[in-house]
Amino acid sequence: MPDVRLASPQGKWVLLTTVLGSSMAMLDSTVVNVALPRIGRDLDANLSALQWTVNAYMVTLAGLILLGGALGDRFGRRKVFVVGVVWFAVASLLCGIAPNAGVLIAARALQGIGGALLTPGSLALIQASFHPDDRGRAVGLWSGFGGIGAAVGPFVGGWLVDGPGWRWVFLLNVPVALVCVPVALRHVPESGDQGAHGRFDVLGAVLGALALALVTYALIEAGGGGAVVAVSAVAGLAAAVAFVVVERRRPDPMMPPDIFASRQFTAVNLVTLCVYAALGGFFFLAALQLQVVVGYSALAAGTALLPTTVLMLLLSARSGELADRIGPRIPLTVGPLLCAAGMLLMLRVGPGASYAADVLPALLVLGLGMVTLVAPLTATVLGSVSVVRAGLASGINNAAARAAGLMAVAALPLLTGMGEEAYQEPAAFDTAFDKAMGWCAGALVVGALIAAAVVRRPPPDCKRPECLRHGGVTAPPLEGEPVRKRLG
């Protein structure tokens, strides 16, 4: 039984290690959007290159995050976590010294692999290390510090972009890793799943990531047409079909198809796809809109977006408690509708927009919608499957959210007619942004309708997530239960 006590020196070192590791991945996911206009100007990159700067990371992270958790269970969570931190730091260094957009995109893909190794490991280390009496408080502290990191991330990112330069958004990860790794090796106990057996579903992970990459490429490059785009689209769909076939036939699949036999689990994941597609598209485009159209600096744009994360940090726990009392159906219906209203209010944000009168009201409504739905969504995912599958269910839900976000970033410029140089033309970008907000609001309304029609109250003894105060906005909180044995 794990016996590290939170009040002990070792307990504090374990907590510090996990906070530092998870913060690396979380900060990168929140600050890169703020840096995109400056990256584009410095590297002479077009809009598709900026899309890939975001999506190359998301493709490998979403495709490999379940495999990353299984590797930790089999080979040791501390070991895989440390490998992930080192990998992430080296990839961050490559991002920071990238001479052109191509190198930056390749390095971002490598970053995603590191993120897939360290993201599931950070919370799993807490679950495996701390004494049961201290575990809840340790997870709460991890969650709170992570939320604070997510809140200050855009501010720090904007300051770095306007000051030392956008490269420091990535280079900052290197000294963090230099602190994190030796502390982990010295103070964090090793742990794993002694019952893990079977073969890793590497083929499933590769097919999933390949399908995401090819479909994303086809969407981003579709404006130019051509045979390569058509072949990529067909190959991506073929890879997706092959992924489903492989998962159905393998004795130890990464994503067991029978988990979707739960109607509630399937419905909540459909809601997740709608919600996080809209949120992913919004946060990608909003940072550009504020800088390109409204004229904000990177620091001002990053600071302007803080209200959503602050509201998440302050109120998510209360939202989870409310959903426990009234059931998830109402929060998962009302929350997306509030988010949709917030995005429609963003239609007022254009040239000469006032922050107090135009930007802030939209972000407050959006933030209240996110507060309303995120904690109940995670709790409902976990409550729709057996307790022993909680970690697997959470991992699938987290991967679905990230996949939805990257598809939105790939598809919205195509759907709204953004040209390759749109982010350098304020009037054209403003028109396309308004159309994009309509698409995002529509996706949220679809999510609300699915929730209203299908979602029901889970059994009274369902498992609740322990990280309700998580402040991340790009994916739901990731439950730290060990990944199912069948994954490894």
Protein backbone atom coordinates (compact mmCIF):
# COMPACT_ATOMS: atom_id res chain seq x y z
CA MET A 1 0.00 0.00 0.00
CA PRO A 2 1.36 3.50 -0.81
CA ASP A 3 2.48 5.19 2.39
CA VAL A 4 3.88 8.65 1.53
CA ARG A 5 2.28 11.26 3.77
CA LEU A 6 1.52 14.69 2.37
CA ALA A 7 3.00 16.52 5.38
CA SER A 8 6.34 14.73 5.06
CA PRO A 9 9.27 16.21 3.10
CA GLN A 10 8.98 13.38 0.57
CA GLY A 11 5.27 14.09 0.12
CA LYS A 12 5.99 17.72 -0.70
CA TRP A 13 8.68 16.70 -3.20
CA VAL A 14 6.29 14.26 -4.89
CA LEU A 15 3.64 16.96 -5.18
CA LEU A 16 6.16 19.47 -6.56
CA THR A 17 7.34 16.97 -9.16
CA THR A 18 3.89 16.17 -10.46
CA VAL A 19 2.85 19.83 -10.55
CA LEU A 20 5.97 20.81 -12.50
CA GLY A 21 5.57 17.97 -14.98
CA SER A 22 1.89 18.50 -15.70
CA SER A 23 2.34 22.27 -15.85
CA MET A 24 4.79 21.93 -18.73
CA ALA A 25 2.16 20.32 -20.94
CA MET A 26 -0.71 22.47 -19.69
CA LEU A 27 1.11 25.77 -20.15
CA ASP A 28 2.13 24.89 -23.69
CA SER A 29 -1.45 24.10 -24.61
CA THR A 30 -2.65 27.50 -23.34
CA VAL A 31 0.12 29.92 -24.35
CA VAL A 32 1.00 28.85 -27.89
CA ASN A 33 -2.20 30.33 -29.32
CA VAL A 34 -1.22 33.74 -27.99
CA ALA A 35 2.16 33.50 -29.73
CA LEU A 36 0.83 32.49 -33.17
CA PRO A 37 0.74 35.92 -34.87
CA ARG A 38 4.34 36.67 -33.85
CA ILE A 39 5.46 33.17 -34.90
CA GLY A 40 3.81 33.71 -38.27
CA ARG A 41 5.56 37.04 -38.83
CA ASP A 42 8.98 35.90 -37.65
CA LEU A 43 8.99 32.64 -39.63
CA ASP A 44 7.07 34.02 -42.63
CA ALA A 45 4.45 31.32 -42.09
CA ASN A 46 1.01 31.20 -43.67
CA LEU A 47 -2.23 30.25 -41.90
CA SER A 48 -1.89 26.52 -42.59
CA ALA A 49 1.54 26.54 -40.92
CA LEU A 50 0.00 28.17 -37.85
CA GLN A 51 -2.75 25.53 -37.84
CA TRP A 52 -0.09 22.81 -37.92
CA THR A 53 1.82 24.51 -35.12
CA VAL A 54 -1.20 23.78 -32.93
CA ASN A 55 -2.34 20.50 -34.49
CA ALA A 56 0.98 18.66 -34.83
CA TYR A 57 1.12 18.61 -31.03
CA MET A 58 -2.50 17.60 -30.67
CA VAL A 59 -2.31 14.76 -33.20
CA THR A 60 0.43 12.86 -31.38
CA LEU A 61 -0.92 13.69 -27.92
CA ALA A 62 -4.49 12.59 -28.67
CA GLY A 63 -3.34 9.50 -30.58
CA LEU A 64 -0.87 8.23 -27.99
CA ILE A 65 -2.16 9.34 -24.57
CA LEU A 66 -3.84 5.98 -23.82
CA LEU A 67 -0.71 4.10 -24.81
CA GLY A 68 1.34 6.43 -22.59
CA GLY A 69 -0.73 5.45 -19.56
CA ALA A 70 -0.33 1.75 -20.37
CA LEU A 71 3.45 2.11 -20.69
CA GLY A 72 3.57 3.65 -17.21
CA ASP A 73 1.56 0.79 -15.74
CA ARG A 74 3.86 -1.80 -17.30
CA PHE A 75 7.36 -0.29 -17.02
CA GLY A 76 6.94 1.99 -14.03
CA ARG A 77 5.04 5.26 -13.77
CA ARG A 78 8.00 7.26 -12.48
CA LYS A 79 10.27 5.95 -15.23
CA VAL A 80 7.84 6.74 -18.03
CA PHE A 81 6.98 10.11 -16.47
CA VAL A 82 10.67 11.07 -16.37
CA VAL A 83 11.17 9.92 -19.96
CA GLY A 84 8.17 12.05 -20.92
CA VAL A 85 9.53 15.14 -19.15
CA VAL A 86 12.95 14.76 -20.79
CA TRP A 87 11.38 14.10 -24.19
CA PHE A 88 9.09 17.12 -23.81
CA ALA A 89 12.00 19.36 -22.80
CA VAL A 90 14.20 18.28 -25.72
CA ALA A 91 11.32 18.82 -28.14
CA SER A 92 10.67 22.23 -26.53
CA LEU A 93 14.31 23.15 -27.10
CA LEU A 94 13.93 22.21 -30.77
CA CYS A 95 10.81 24.39 -30.96
CA GLY A 96 12.67 27.28 -29.40
CA ILE A 97 15.55 27.18 -31.88
CA ALA A 98 13.48 26.24 -34.95
CA PRO A 99 14.81 28.17 -37.99
CA ASN A 100 11.60 27.76 -39.99
CA ALA A 101 7.97 26.65 -39.74
CA GLY A 102 8.71 23.10 -40.92
CA VAL A 103 11.15 22.41 -38.11
CA LEU A 104 8.79 24.00 -35.58
CA ILE A 105 5.90 21.78 -36.69
CA ALA A 106 8.04 18.62 -36.52
CA ALA A 107 9.26 19.59 -33.04
CA ARG A 108 5.66 20.21 -31.93
CA ALA A 109 4.76 16.68 -33.01
CA LEU A 110 7.63 15.39 -30.88
CA GLN A 111 6.34 17.51 -27.99
CA GLY A 112 3.00 15.72 -28.26
CA ILE A 113 4.71 12.35 -27.80
CA GLY A 114 6.37 13.63 -24.63
CA GLY A 115 3.04 15.01 -23.46
CA ALA A 116 1.38 11.61 -24.00
CA LEU A 117 3.99 10.05 -21.70
CA LEU A 118 3.92 12.60 -18.89
CA THR A 119 0.27 13.75 -18.83
CA PRO A 120 -1.32 10.50 -17.58
CA GLY A 121 1.69 9.83 -15.37
CA SER A 122 1.56 12.99 -13.26
CA LEU A 123 -1.76 12.25 -11.57
CA ALA A 124 -1.15 8.49 -11.55
CA LEU A 125 2.01 9.09 -9.50
CA ILE A 126 -0.03 10.88 -6.85
CA GLN A 127 -2.59 8.09 -6.75
CA ALA A 128 0.16 5.46 -6.46
CA SER A 129 2.44 7.27 -3.98
CA PHE A 130 0.31 8.87 -1.27
CA HIS A 131 -1.31 7.16 1.67
CA PRO A 132 -5.08 6.76 1.06
CA ASP A 133 -5.85 9.19 3.89
CA ASP A 134 -3.85 11.95 2.13
CA ARG A 135 -4.59 11.12 -1.49
CA GLY A 136 -7.71 13.25 -1.88
CA ARG A 137 -5.99 16.34 -0.46
CA ALA A 138 -2.90 15.72 -2.59
CA VAL A 139 -4.99 15.48 -5.75
CA GLY A 140 -6.86 18.61 -4.72
CA LEU A 141 -3.59 20.52 -4.29
CA TRP A 142 -2.28 19.19 -7.61
CA SER A 143 -5.52 20.26 -9.23
CA GLY A 144 -5.46 23.70 -7.66
CA PHE A 145 -1.85 24.43 -8.60
CA GLY A 146 -2.58 23.17 -12.11
CA GLY A 147 -5.53 25.53 -12.35
CA ILE A 148 -3.40 28.45 -11.21
CA GLY A 149 -0.84 27.51 -13.84
CA ALA A 150 -3.52 27.43 -16.52
CA ALA A 151 -4.79 30.82 -15.36
CA VAL A 152 -1.42 32.57 -15.47
CA GLY A 153 -0.26 30.75 -18.61
CA PRO A 154 -1.71 33.14 -21.20
CA PHE A 155 -0.45 36.12 -19.18
CA VAL A 156 3.07 34.70 -18.95
CA GLY A 157 2.96 33.69 -22.60
CA GLY A 158 1.92 37.16 -23.69
CA TRP A 159 4.66 38.74 -21.58
CA LEU A 160 7.26 36.43 -23.11
CA VAL A 161 6.06 37.10 -26.66
CA ASP A 162 6.12 40.87 -26.19
CA GLY A 163 9.37 40.79 -24.20
CA PRO A 164 12.13 38.20 -24.73
CA GLY A 165 10.30 36.71 -27.73
CA TRP A 166 8.01 33.82 -28.62
CA ARG A 167 10.85 31.28 -28.55
CA TRP A 168 10.94 31.57 -24.75
CA VAL A 169 7.42 30.14 -24.61
CA PHE A 170 9.12 26.84 -25.47
CA LEU A 171 12.57 27.37 -23.98
CA LEU A 172 11.09 27.97 -20.54
CA ASN A 173 10.30 24.24 -20.36
CA VAL A 174 13.99 23.33 -20.29
CA PRO A 175 14.84 24.76 -16.82
CA VAL A 176 11.55 23.40 -15.48
CA ALA A 177 12.59 19.91 -16.64
CA LEU A 178 16.06 20.36 -15.14
CA VAL A 179 14.39 20.82 -11.75
CA CYS A 180 11.68 18.19 -12.23
CA VAL A 181 13.79 15.22 -13.33
CA PRO A 182 16.33 15.02 -10.47
CA VAL A 183 13.60 15.62 -7.90
CA ALA A 184 11.53 12.79 -9.39
CA LEU A 185 14.45 10.38 -9.47
CA ARG A 186 15.42 11.16 -5.88
CA HIS A 187 12.10 11.53 -4.10
CA VAL A 188 9.27 9.86 -6.05
CA PRO A 189 8.78 6.13 -5.38
CA GLU A 190 8.44 3.85 -8.38
CA SER A 191 5.09 2.17 -8.95
CA GLY A 192 3.34 0.08 -11.56
CA ASP A 193 0.59 -2.42 -12.17
CA GLN A 194 1.96 -5.82 -11.20
CA GLY A 195 -0.97 -7.50 -12.89
CA ALA A 196 -0.35 -5.85 -16.27
CA HIS A 197 0.06 -8.44 -18.97
CA GLY A 198 -0.44 -9.01 -22.68
CA ARG A 199 0.87 -7.10 -25.66
CA PHE A 200 0.72 -3.36 -26.12
CA ASP A 201 -1.74 -2.16 -28.71
CA VAL A 202 0.91 -0.25 -30.65
CA LEU A 203 -0.85 -0.91 -33.96
CA GLY A 204 -4.06 0.62 -32.65
CA ALA A 205 -2.22 3.69 -31.38
CA VAL A 206 -0.38 4.16 -34.69
CA LEU A 207 -3.55 3.74 -36.75
CA GLY A 208 -5.44 6.21 -34.55
CA ALA A 209 -2.71 8.85 -34.78
CA LEU A 210 -2.31 8.25 -38.53
CA ALA A 211 -6.04 8.67 -39.14
CA LEU A 212 -6.03 11.96 -37.22
CA ALA A 213 -2.94 13.23 -39.04
CA LEU A 214 -4.17 12.38 -42.55
CA VAL A 215 -7.68 13.78 -42.06
CA THR A 216 -6.22 16.90 -40.45
CA TYR A 217 -3.85 17.36 -43.41
CA ALA A 218 -6.71 16.98 -45.87
CA LEU A 219 -8.81 19.60 -44.05
CA ILE A 220 -5.99 22.11 -43.72
CA GLU A 221 -4.83 21.77 -47.33
CA ALA A 222 -8.29 21.35 -48.88
CA GLY A 223 -8.40 24.96 -50.03
CA GLY A 224 -5.69 24.26 -52.57
CA GLY A 225 -7.33 21.07 -53.86
CA GLY A 226 -5.31 18.54 -55.79
CA ALA A 227 -4.81 14.81 -55.82
CA VAL A 228 -2.65 14.77 -52.69
CA VAL A 229 -5.49 16.20 -50.60
CA ALA A 230 -7.97 13.66 -51.95
CA VAL A 231 -5.58 10.76 -51.37
CA SER A 232 -4.89 11.99 -47.82
CA ALA A 233 -8.60 12.18 -47.04
CA VAL A 234 -9.28 8.69 -48.37
CA ALA A 235 -6.21 7.26 -46.61
CA GLY A 236 -7.24 8.93 -43.35
CA LEU A 237 -10.72 7.43 -43.50
CA ALA A 238 -9.21 4.03 -44.38
CA ALA A 239 -6.90 4.28 -41.36
CA ALA A 240 -9.90 5.12 -39.16
CA VAL A 241 -11.78 2.06 -40.43
CA ALA A 242 -8.68 -0.09 -39.92
CA PHE A 243 -8.42 1.24 -36.35
CA VAL A 244 -11.98 0.14 -35.59
CA VAL A 245 -11.37 -3.30 -37.13
CA VAL A 246 -8.13 -3.80 -35.18
CA GLU A 247 -9.74 -2.75 -31.90
CA ARG A 248 -12.61 -5.18 -32.45
CA ARG A 249 -10.31 -8.13 -33.16
CA ARG A 250 -7.46 -7.65 -30.70
CA PRO A 251 -7.63 -9.49 -27.36
CA ASP A 252 -6.05 -6.46 -25.65
CA PRO A 253 -7.30 -3.35 -27.49
CA MET A 254 -6.31 0.18 -26.56
CA MET A 255 -9.95 1.27 -26.90
CA PRO A 256 -12.21 -1.74 -26.20
CA PRO A 257 -15.33 -1.37 -28.39
CA ASP A 258 -17.54 -2.93 -25.72
CA ILE A 259 -17.10 0.12 -23.51
CA PHE A 260 -19.38 1.96 -25.95
CA ALA A 261 -22.16 -0.51 -25.17
CA SER A 262 -23.07 1.96 -22.45
CA ARG A 263 -25.50 4.39 -24.08
CA GLN A 264 -24.66 7.01 -21.48
CA PHE A 265 -20.91 6.72 -22.12
CA THR A 266 -21.41 7.04 -25.86
CA ALA A 267 -23.74 10.02 -25.50
CA VAL A 268 -21.43 11.92 -23.16
CA ASN A 269 -18.51 11.38 -25.52
CA LEU A 270 -20.61 12.78 -28.37
CA VAL A 271 -21.32 15.81 -26.19
CA THR A 272 -17.58 16.02 -25.52
CA LEU A 273 -16.81 16.05 -29.24
CA CYS A 274 -19.26 18.90 -29.84
CA VAL A 275 -18.18 20.96 -26.84
CA TYR A 276 -14.43 20.65 -27.23
CA ALA A 277 -14.53 21.12 -30.98
CA ALA A 278 -16.17 24.47 -30.31
CA LEU A 279 -13.80 25.39 -27.47
CA GLY A 280 -10.71 24.32 -29.41
CA GLY A 281 -11.75 26.41 -32.39
CA PHE A 282 -12.64 29.36 -30.19
CA PHE A 283 -9.36 29.58 -28.29
CA PHE A 284 -7.35 29.14 -31.50
CA LEU A 285 -9.18 31.97 -33.27
CA ALA A 286 -9.94 34.31 -30.35
CA ALA A 287 -6.27 35.01 -29.61
CA LEU A 288 -5.77 35.85 -33.29
CA GLN A 289 -8.92 37.98 -33.43
CA LEU A 290 -7.87 40.08 -30.46
CA GLN A 291 -4.42 40.72 -31.91
CA VAL A 292 -5.09 40.91 -35.66
CA VAL A 293 -8.44 42.72 -35.64
CA VAL A 294 -8.80 44.51 -32.31
CA GLY A 295 -5.11 45.45 -32.15
CA TYR A 296 -4.15 43.95 -28.78
CA SER A 297 -0.57 43.08 -27.94
CA ALA A 298 0.19 39.45 -27.15
CA LEU A 299 0.24 40.29 -23.42
CA ALA A 300 -3.11 42.07 -23.62
CA ALA A 301 -4.68 39.22 -25.60
CA GLY A 302 -3.44 36.61 -23.14
CA THR A 303 -4.68 38.62 -20.18
CA ALA A 304 -8.01 39.29 -21.86
CA LEU A 305 -8.80 35.56 -22.03
CA LEU A 306 -8.16 34.95 -18.32
CA PRO A 307 -11.78 35.23 -17.07
CA THR A 308 -12.79 31.84 -18.50
CA THR A 309 -9.99 30.00 -16.70
CA VAL A 310 -10.43 31.94 -13.45
CA LEU A 311 -14.14 31.09 -13.38
CA MET A 312 -13.28 27.43 -13.99
CA LEU A 313 -10.78 27.46 -11.14
CA LEU A 314 -13.12 29.14 -8.66
CA LEU A 315 -16.46 27.51 -9.41
CA SER A 316 -15.96 24.07 -10.98
CA ALA A 317 -16.09 22.24 -7.63
CA ARG A 318 -19.43 23.86 -6.77
CA SER A 319 -20.75 22.97 -10.19
CA GLY A 320 -19.78 19.34 -9.59
CA GLU A 321 -21.60 19.37 -6.26
CA LEU A 322 -24.72 20.85 -7.87
CA ALA A 323 -24.69 18.18 -10.58
CA ASP A 324 -24.49 15.52 -7.86
CA ARG A 325 -27.74 16.85 -6.42
CA ILE A 326 -29.77 17.48 -9.58
CA GLY A 327 -28.15 15.03 -12.02
CA PRO A 328 -26.03 15.78 -15.11
CA ARG A 329 -28.77 16.24 -17.71
CA ILE A 330 -29.56 19.88 -16.91
CA PRO A 331 -25.91 21.03 -16.54
CA LEU A 332 -24.89 19.25 -19.76
CA THR A 333 -27.79 20.90 -21.58
CA VAL A 334 -27.56 24.40 -20.11
CA GLY A 335 -23.74 24.58 -20.12
CA PRO A 336 -23.28 24.21 -23.89
CA LEU A 337 -26.12 26.67 -24.52
CA LEU A 338 -24.41 29.26 -22.30
CA CYS A 339 -21.13 28.66 -24.16
CA ALA A 340 -22.97 29.11 -27.46
CA ALA A 341 -24.41 32.41 -26.22
CA GLY A 342 -20.91 33.54 -25.22
CA MET A 343 -19.55 32.77 -28.66
CA LEU A 344 -22.40 34.64 -30.33
CA LEU A 345 -21.61 37.62 -28.11
CA MET A 346 -18.09 37.49 -29.58
CA LEU A 347 -19.64 38.71 -32.83
CA ARG A 348 -19.49 42.17 -31.23
CA VAL A 349 -15.71 41.94 -30.95
CA GLY A 350 -14.28 43.73 -33.96
CA PRO A 351 -12.24 46.84 -34.81
CA GLY A 352 -12.38 49.33 -31.96
CA ALA A 353 -14.15 46.91 -29.60
CA SER A 354 -14.26 47.82 -25.93
CA TYR A 355 -12.98 45.19 -23.54
CA ALA A 356 -15.46 46.05 -20.79
CA ALA A 357 -18.49 46.34 -23.06
CA ASP A 358 -17.78 43.76 -25.76
CA VAL A 359 -15.03 41.24 -24.89
CA LEU A 360 -15.54 40.71 -21.15
CA PRO A 361 -19.31 39.98 -21.24
CA ALA A 362 -18.77 37.32 -23.91
CA LEU A 363 -15.97 35.67 -21.95
CA LEU A 364 -17.96 35.73 -18.70
CA VAL A 365 -20.94 34.01 -20.32
CA LEU A 366 -18.62 31.50 -22.00
CA GLY A 367 -16.80 30.87 -18.72
CA LEU A 368 -20.05 30.30 -16.83
CA GLY A 369 -21.07 27.79 -19.47
CA MET A 370 -17.77 25.95 -19.11
CA VAL A 371 -18.12 25.94 -15.33
CA THR A 372 -21.60 24.49 -15.68
CA LEU A 373 -20.63 21.58 -17.91
CA VAL A 374 -17.00 20.48 -17.39
CA ALA A 375 -17.15 18.85 -13.95
CA PRO A 376 -20.53 17.13 -14.58
CA LEU A 377 -19.26 15.89 -17.95
CA THR A 378 -16.24 14.21 -16.34
CA ALA A 379 -18.29 12.78 -13.48
CA THR A 380 -20.87 11.39 -15.90
CA VAL A 381 -18.22 9.72 -18.04
CA LEU A 382 -16.84 7.95 -14.97
CA GLY A 383 -20.28 7.07 -13.66
CA SER A 384 -21.36 5.45 -16.94
CA VAL A 385 -18.88 2.55 -16.67
CA SER A 386 -17.77 0.20 -13.90
CA VAL A 387 -15.30 1.55 -11.34
CA VAL A 388 -12.46 -0.63 -12.62
CA ARG A 389 -12.75 1.03 -16.03
CA ALA A 390 -12.74 4.61 -14.72
CA GLY A 391 -9.19 5.33 -15.86
CA LEU A 392 -9.86 3.94 -19.33
CA ALA A 393 -13.13 5.88 -19.64
CA SER A 394 -11.46 9.12 -18.61
CA GLY A 395 -8.57 8.55 -21.01
CA ILE A 396 -10.93 7.93 -23.94
CA ASN A 397 -12.93 11.03 -23.06
CA ASN A 398 -9.77 13.14 -22.78
CA ALA A 399 -8.47 11.85 -26.12
CA ALA A 400 -11.84 12.53 -27.77
CA ALA A 401 -11.77 16.11 -26.53
CA ARG A 402 -8.28 16.73 -27.89
CA ALA A 403 -9.14 15.09 -31.22
CA ALA A 404 -12.24 17.28 -31.51
CA GLY A 405 -10.18 20.39 -30.86
CA LEU A 406 -7.59 19.59 -33.49
CA MET A 407 -10.29 18.82 -36.09
CA ALA A 408 -11.92 22.17 -35.36
CA VAL A 409 -8.64 24.03 -35.80
CA ALA A 410 -8.17 22.22 -39.12
CA ALA A 411 -11.73 22.63 -40.42
CA LEU A 412 -12.86 26.12 -39.36
CA PRO A 413 -10.58 28.09 -41.72
CA LEU A 414 -11.86 25.91 -44.58
CA LEU A 415 -15.51 26.32 -43.57
CA THR A 416 -15.20 30.09 -43.20
CA GLY A 417 -13.14 30.78 -46.31
CA MET A 418 -9.99 32.00 -44.59
CA GLY A 419 -7.16 32.45 -47.06
CA GLU A 420 -3.55 31.56 -46.32
CA GLU A 421 -2.76 35.18 -45.44
CA ALA A 422 -6.02 35.91 -43.63
CA TYR A 423 -4.36 36.50 -40.28
CA GLN A 424 -2.45 39.39 -41.87
CA GLU A 425 -5.62 41.03 -43.25
CA PRO A 426 -7.81 42.35 -40.39
CA ALA A 427 -11.00 42.88 -42.39
CA ALA A 428 -10.92 39.43 -43.99
CA PHE A 429 -10.08 37.73 -40.70
CA ASP A 430 -12.88 39.55 -38.88
CA THR A 431 -15.45 38.33 -41.41
CA ALA A 432 -14.19 34.75 -41.19
CA PHE A 433 -14.09 34.90 -37.37
CA ASP A 434 -17.77 35.84 -37.24
CA LYS A 435 -18.63 32.85 -39.42
CA ALA A 436 -16.49 30.60 -37.23
CA MET A 437 -18.33 31.69 -34.10
CA GLY A 438 -21.58 30.68 -35.80
CA TRP A 439 -20.17 27.21 -36.55
CA CYS A 440 -18.91 26.84 -32.96
CA ALA A 441 -22.23 27.93 -31.49
CA GLY A 442 -23.99 25.44 -33.75
CA ALA A 443 -21.78 22.59 -32.53
CA LEU A 444 -22.57 23.52 -28.93
CA VAL A 445 -26.32 23.53 -29.59
CA VAL A 446 -26.01 20.03 -31.09
CA GLY A 447 -24.16 18.92 -27.94
CA ALA A 448 -26.91 20.38 -25.76
CA LEU A 449 -29.60 18.56 -27.74
CA ILE A 450 -27.76 15.23 -27.39
CA ALA A 451 -27.45 15.76 -23.64
CA ALA A 452 -31.11 16.67 -23.27
CA ALA A 453 -32.24 13.63 -25.27
CA VAL A 454 -29.96 10.90 -23.94
CA VAL A 455 -28.07 11.75 -20.72
CA ARG A 456 -29.60 10.50 -17.49
CA ARG A 457 -28.57 10.47 -13.83
CA PRO A 458 -25.84 7.87 -13.09
CA PRO A 459 -26.29 5.34 -10.27
CA PRO A 460 -25.95 6.86 -6.78
CA ASP A 461 -22.69 4.99 -6.10
CA CYS A 462 -20.92 6.15 -9.27
CA LYS A 463 -17.29 7.20 -9.02
CA ARG A 464 -16.64 10.95 -8.93
CA PRO A 465 -13.51 12.56 -10.32
CA GLU A 466 -11.11 13.90 -7.72
CA CYS A 467 -9.73 16.79 -9.84
CA LEU A 468 -12.79 19.02 -10.02
CA ARG A 469 -10.83 22.23 -9.56
CA HIS A 470 -8.72 21.67 -12.65
CA GLY A 471 -8.46 24.91 -14.60
CA GLY A 472 -7.60 23.51 -18.03
CA VAL A 473 -9.81 24.61 -20.90
CA THR A 474 -8.60 22.46 -23.81
CA ALA A 475 -9.64 19.05 -22.44
CA PRO A 476 -11.60 17.63 -19.50
CA PRO A 477 -9.75 16.66 -16.31
CA LEU A 478 -7.89 13.36 -16.66
CA GLU A 479 -8.76 10.88 -13.93
CA GLY A 480 -5.71 9.35 -12.32
CA GLU A 481 -6.87 5.80 -11.79
CA PRO A 482 -4.49 3.21 -13.23
CA VAL A 483 -5.19 2.34 -16.84
CA ARG A 484 -7.01 -0.94 -17.28
CA LYS A 485 -4.86 -4.05 -17.37
CA ARG A 486 -6.10 -4.87 -20.83
CA LEU A 487 -4.23 -1.82 -22.14
CA GLY A 488 -0.92 -3.38 -21.24
